[in-house]
Protein backbone atom coordinates (compact mmCIF):
# COMPACT_ATOMS: atom_id res chain seq x y z
CA MET A 1 55.16 -13.36 -27.88
CA SER A 2 54.22 -11.27 -24.86
CA VAL A 3 55.27 -7.64 -24.64
CA SER A 4 55.87 -5.93 -21.32
CA ARG A 5 54.34 -2.56 -20.50
CA ARG A 6 57.83 -1.02 -20.56
CA GLU A 7 58.56 -2.45 -24.03
CA PHE A 8 55.18 -1.29 -25.30
CA LEU A 9 55.67 2.26 -24.02
CA SER A 10 59.21 2.31 -25.34
CA ALA A 11 58.00 1.36 -28.82
CA SER A 12 55.29 4.02 -28.68
CA TRP A 13 57.79 6.63 -27.57
CA ASP A 14 60.22 5.67 -30.34
CA GLN A 15 57.44 6.05 -32.90
CA SER A 16 56.46 9.40 -31.42
CA ILE A 17 60.01 10.67 -31.81
CA ALA A 18 60.17 9.36 -35.37
CA PHE A 19 56.79 10.88 -36.18
CA SER A 20 57.72 14.28 -34.75
CA PHE A 21 61.27 14.47 -36.08
CA LEU A 22 60.57 13.19 -39.57
CA GLY A 23 57.36 15.19 -39.84
CA ARG A 24 59.19 18.40 -39.10
CA ALA A 25 62.01 17.45 -41.44
CA ILE A 26 59.53 16.92 -44.26
CA ALA A 27 57.58 20.06 -43.44
CA TYR A 28 60.55 22.41 -43.19
CA SER A 29 63.17 20.86 -45.44
CA THR A 30 64.71 23.15 -48.07
CA VAL A 31 64.65 20.19 -50.46
CA PRO A 32 61.41 20.22 -52.48
CA LEU A 33 59.09 17.49 -51.26
CA ALA A 34 58.48 16.12 -54.75
CA ALA A 35 62.21 15.61 -55.26
CA ALA A 36 62.56 13.94 -51.87
CA GLN A 37 59.68 11.59 -52.68
CA THR A 38 61.29 10.64 -55.99
CA PHE A 39 64.59 9.93 -54.27
CA CYS A 40 63.27 8.00 -51.26
CA SER A 41 60.21 6.17 -52.62
CA GLN A 42 60.20 2.82 -54.32
CA PRO A 43 58.35 2.29 -57.62
CA ALA A 44 56.13 -0.46 -56.20
CA GLU A 45 54.39 2.08 -54.00
CA ALA A 46 53.44 4.40 -56.86
CA ALA A 47 49.99 2.92 -57.41
CA SER A 48 47.63 4.41 -59.96
CA THR A 49 44.69 6.39 -58.67
CA ALA A 50 41.64 8.23 -59.89
CA PRO A 51 42.19 11.27 -62.12
CA SER A 52 41.60 14.85 -61.05
CA LEU A 53 42.49 14.38 -57.40
CA LYS A 54 43.49 17.61 -55.71
CA TYR A 55 45.08 16.52 -52.44
CA ILE A 56 45.80 12.79 -52.59
CA GLN A 57 48.87 11.79 -54.58
CA PRO A 58 49.45 8.37 -56.22
CA LEU A 59 51.97 7.48 -53.50
CA HIS A 60 49.28 8.05 -50.85
CA VAL A 61 46.81 5.55 -52.30
CA PRO A 62 48.47 2.31 -51.05
CA ILE A 63 48.62 3.85 -47.56
CA LEU A 64 44.90 4.64 -47.51
CA VAL A 65 44.01 1.21 -48.88
CA ALA A 66 46.26 -0.62 -46.40
CA PHE A 67 44.85 1.24 -43.40
CA ALA A 68 41.28 0.83 -44.67
CA LYS A 69 41.69 -2.93 -44.99
CA VAL A 70 43.04 -3.35 -41.47
CA SER A 71 41.06 -0.73 -39.56
CA MET A 72 37.69 -1.51 -41.19
CA GLY A 73 38.12 -5.17 -42.09
CA LEU A 74 37.91 -4.67 -45.85
CA ASP A 75 39.41 -7.01 -48.43
CA ASP A 76 40.06 -7.12 -52.17
CA GLN A 77 36.46 -8.16 -52.83
CA ASP A 78 35.28 -4.99 -51.15
CA LEU A 79 37.94 -2.79 -52.70
CA THR A 80 37.49 -3.65 -56.35
CA GLU A 81 39.12 -1.21 -58.75
CA GLN A 82 35.81 0.60 -59.21
CA ASN A 83 35.07 0.82 -55.49
CA LYS A 84 38.64 1.85 -54.74
CA THR A 85 38.45 4.64 -57.30
CA VAL A 86 35.24 5.97 -55.71
CA PHE A 87 36.68 5.53 -52.22
CA ILE A 88 39.86 7.48 -52.99
CA ALA A 89 37.87 10.19 -54.77
CA ASN A 90 35.66 10.47 -51.67
CA CYS A 91 38.74 10.83 -49.45
CA ASP A 92 40.05 13.59 -51.68
CA GLN A 93 36.70 15.40 -51.71
CA LEU A 94 36.31 15.19 -47.94
CA MET A 95 39.82 16.54 -47.46
CA GLY A 96 38.74 19.52 -49.52
CA GLN A 97 35.84 20.08 -47.10
CA ALA A 98 38.04 19.76 -43.98
CA PRO A 99 39.49 22.77 -42.14
CA GLU A 100 42.81 23.82 -43.61
CA SER A 101 44.73 22.80 -40.47
CA VAL A 102 43.26 19.29 -40.51
CA ARG A 103 43.90 18.92 -44.23
CA ALA A 104 47.50 20.04 -43.79
CA ASP A 105 48.02 17.54 -40.96
CA LEU A 106 46.61 14.68 -43.04
CA ILE A 107 48.78 15.54 -46.03
CA LEU A 108 51.82 15.72 -43.77
CA LEU A 109 50.90 12.33 -42.31
CA PHE A 110 50.55 10.77 -45.78
CA ASN A 111 53.88 12.23 -46.89
CA LEU A 112 55.52 10.96 -43.74
CA LEU A 113 54.12 7.44 -44.10
CA GLN A 114 55.13 7.10 -47.74
CA PHE A 115 58.84 7.51 -46.96
CA PRO A 116 60.41 4.02 -46.66
CA MET A 117 62.64 5.09 -43.77
CA SER A 118 59.79 6.44 -41.64
CA ARG A 119 57.59 3.46 -42.54
CA TRP A 120 60.36 1.11 -41.42
CA MET A 121 60.88 3.03 -38.17
CA MET A 122 57.17 2.56 -37.45
CA GLY A 123 57.48 -1.22 -37.81
CA VAL A 124 56.23 -1.77 -41.38
CA SER A 125 59.06 -3.23 -43.42
CA ASP A 126 57.32 -3.91 -46.73
CA ASN A 127 55.79 -1.45 -49.18
CA TRP A 128 52.24 -0.51 -48.23
CA ASP A 129 50.70 -2.52 -51.05
CA ARG A 130 52.42 -5.65 -49.67
CA ALA A 131 52.55 -4.79 -45.97
CA ASN A 132 51.76 -7.50 -43.43
CA PRO A 133 48.37 -6.75 -41.81
CA LYS A 134 49.87 -7.76 -38.44
CA ASP A 135 52.47 -4.99 -38.75
CA ILE A 136 49.78 -2.43 -39.54
CA THR A 137 47.64 -3.68 -36.65
CA ALA A 138 50.61 -3.29 -34.29
CA LEU A 139 51.21 0.22 -35.63
CA ILE A 140 47.56 1.18 -35.12
CA THR A 141 47.61 -0.26 -31.59
CA ASN A 142 50.66 1.79 -30.67
CA TRP A 143 49.19 4.92 -32.19
CA ASN A 144 45.79 4.55 -30.58
CA TYR A 145 46.66 3.13 -27.17
CA GLY A 146 50.30 4.00 -26.58
CA GLY A 147 49.59 7.16 -24.60
CA ILE A 148 51.23 9.54 -27.09
CA LYS A 149 48.67 12.19 -27.98
CA ILE A 150 50.08 13.14 -31.40
CA LEU A 151 49.99 9.51 -32.57
CA ARG A 152 46.42 9.02 -31.36
CA TYR A 153 45.33 12.25 -33.06
CA GLY A 154 46.95 11.16 -36.33
CA TYR A 155 45.26 7.78 -36.37
CA GLN A 156 41.84 9.03 -35.31
CA SER A 157 41.92 11.74 -37.99
CA LEU A 158 42.89 9.17 -40.60
CA LEU A 159 40.25 6.68 -39.42
CA SER A 160 37.50 9.31 -39.55
CA LEU A 161 38.45 10.15 -43.13
CA LEU A 162 38.48 6.48 -44.15
CA GLN A 163 35.18 5.60 -42.49
CA VAL A 164 33.16 8.47 -43.92
CA SER A 165 34.72 8.00 -47.37
CA TRP A 166 34.05 4.25 -47.44
CA TYR A 167 30.48 4.43 -46.19
CA TYR A 168 29.66 6.84 -48.96
CA VAL A 169 30.65 4.22 -51.56
CA PRO A 170 27.33 2.88 -52.92
CA VAL A 171 28.17 -0.80 -52.34
CA ALA A 172 29.08 -0.09 -48.70
CA ILE A 173 25.82 1.75 -48.08
CA ALA A 174 23.82 -1.04 -49.72
CA GLY A 175 25.53 -3.63 -47.54
CA THR A 176 24.48 -1.90 -44.32
CA GLY A 177 20.88 -1.23 -45.29
CA TYR A 178 21.50 2.44 -44.50
CA PRO A 179 19.73 4.78 -46.97
CA GLY A 180 22.62 7.24 -47.03
CA PRO A 181 23.67 10.41 -45.20
CA PRO A 182 20.93 12.79 -44.02
CA GLU A 183 19.81 15.35 -46.55
CA SER A 184 21.13 18.13 -44.32
CA ILE A 185 24.75 17.06 -44.84
CA ARG A 186 24.56 15.71 -48.37
CA PRO A 187 25.64 19.03 -49.92
CA TYR A 188 28.97 18.62 -48.10
CA LEU A 189 29.35 15.12 -49.52
CA ASP A 190 28.11 15.79 -53.04
CA PHE A 191 30.60 14.26 -55.42
CA ASN A 192 29.01 15.72 -58.54
CA GLY A 193 26.13 13.33 -58.07
CA GLU A 194 28.18 10.41 -59.39
CA ASN A 195 28.45 8.47 -56.13
CA SER A 196 25.27 9.50 -54.44
CA PRO A 197 23.23 6.64 -52.97
């Protein structure tokens, strides 16, 4: 089905409004975020994740996995439970190294995406662990090419986090033939030596 330029821009604008309005509602609501998550989220999205994570919550994990699969072409064979655990731990560690403003924006984005209402308004009807890859691809296309700066910033920040986190998983590094990050930046990516290539 073809989509006109007007329809495409309209969809992007609608998502921008949803992103801005819901983001501010989450950020400034007097209702505690944890209570709102419990009320609005569905149990299927509460996937288990690695222990001792500081910034990423269990409800964020299906979002990261879904975007990683679509944006980087990964599948279940790549994201085994062991690799997924390392990948999510890497995301959490890198968020700890990010500037506070970037970290806050990413957390706000994750909290926004995990709400069923905001997910639906962005064109993804199913829970993230069952979402149609075509819906996520359409969402990414609107974010990245729709001309709305805040959407492009959100996706590019998320993609950068996913790419660096994945390519520090040992199996990903081995598959590329790349020996690992330069020594000069390894201290910033040192996950207690457990995941080092």
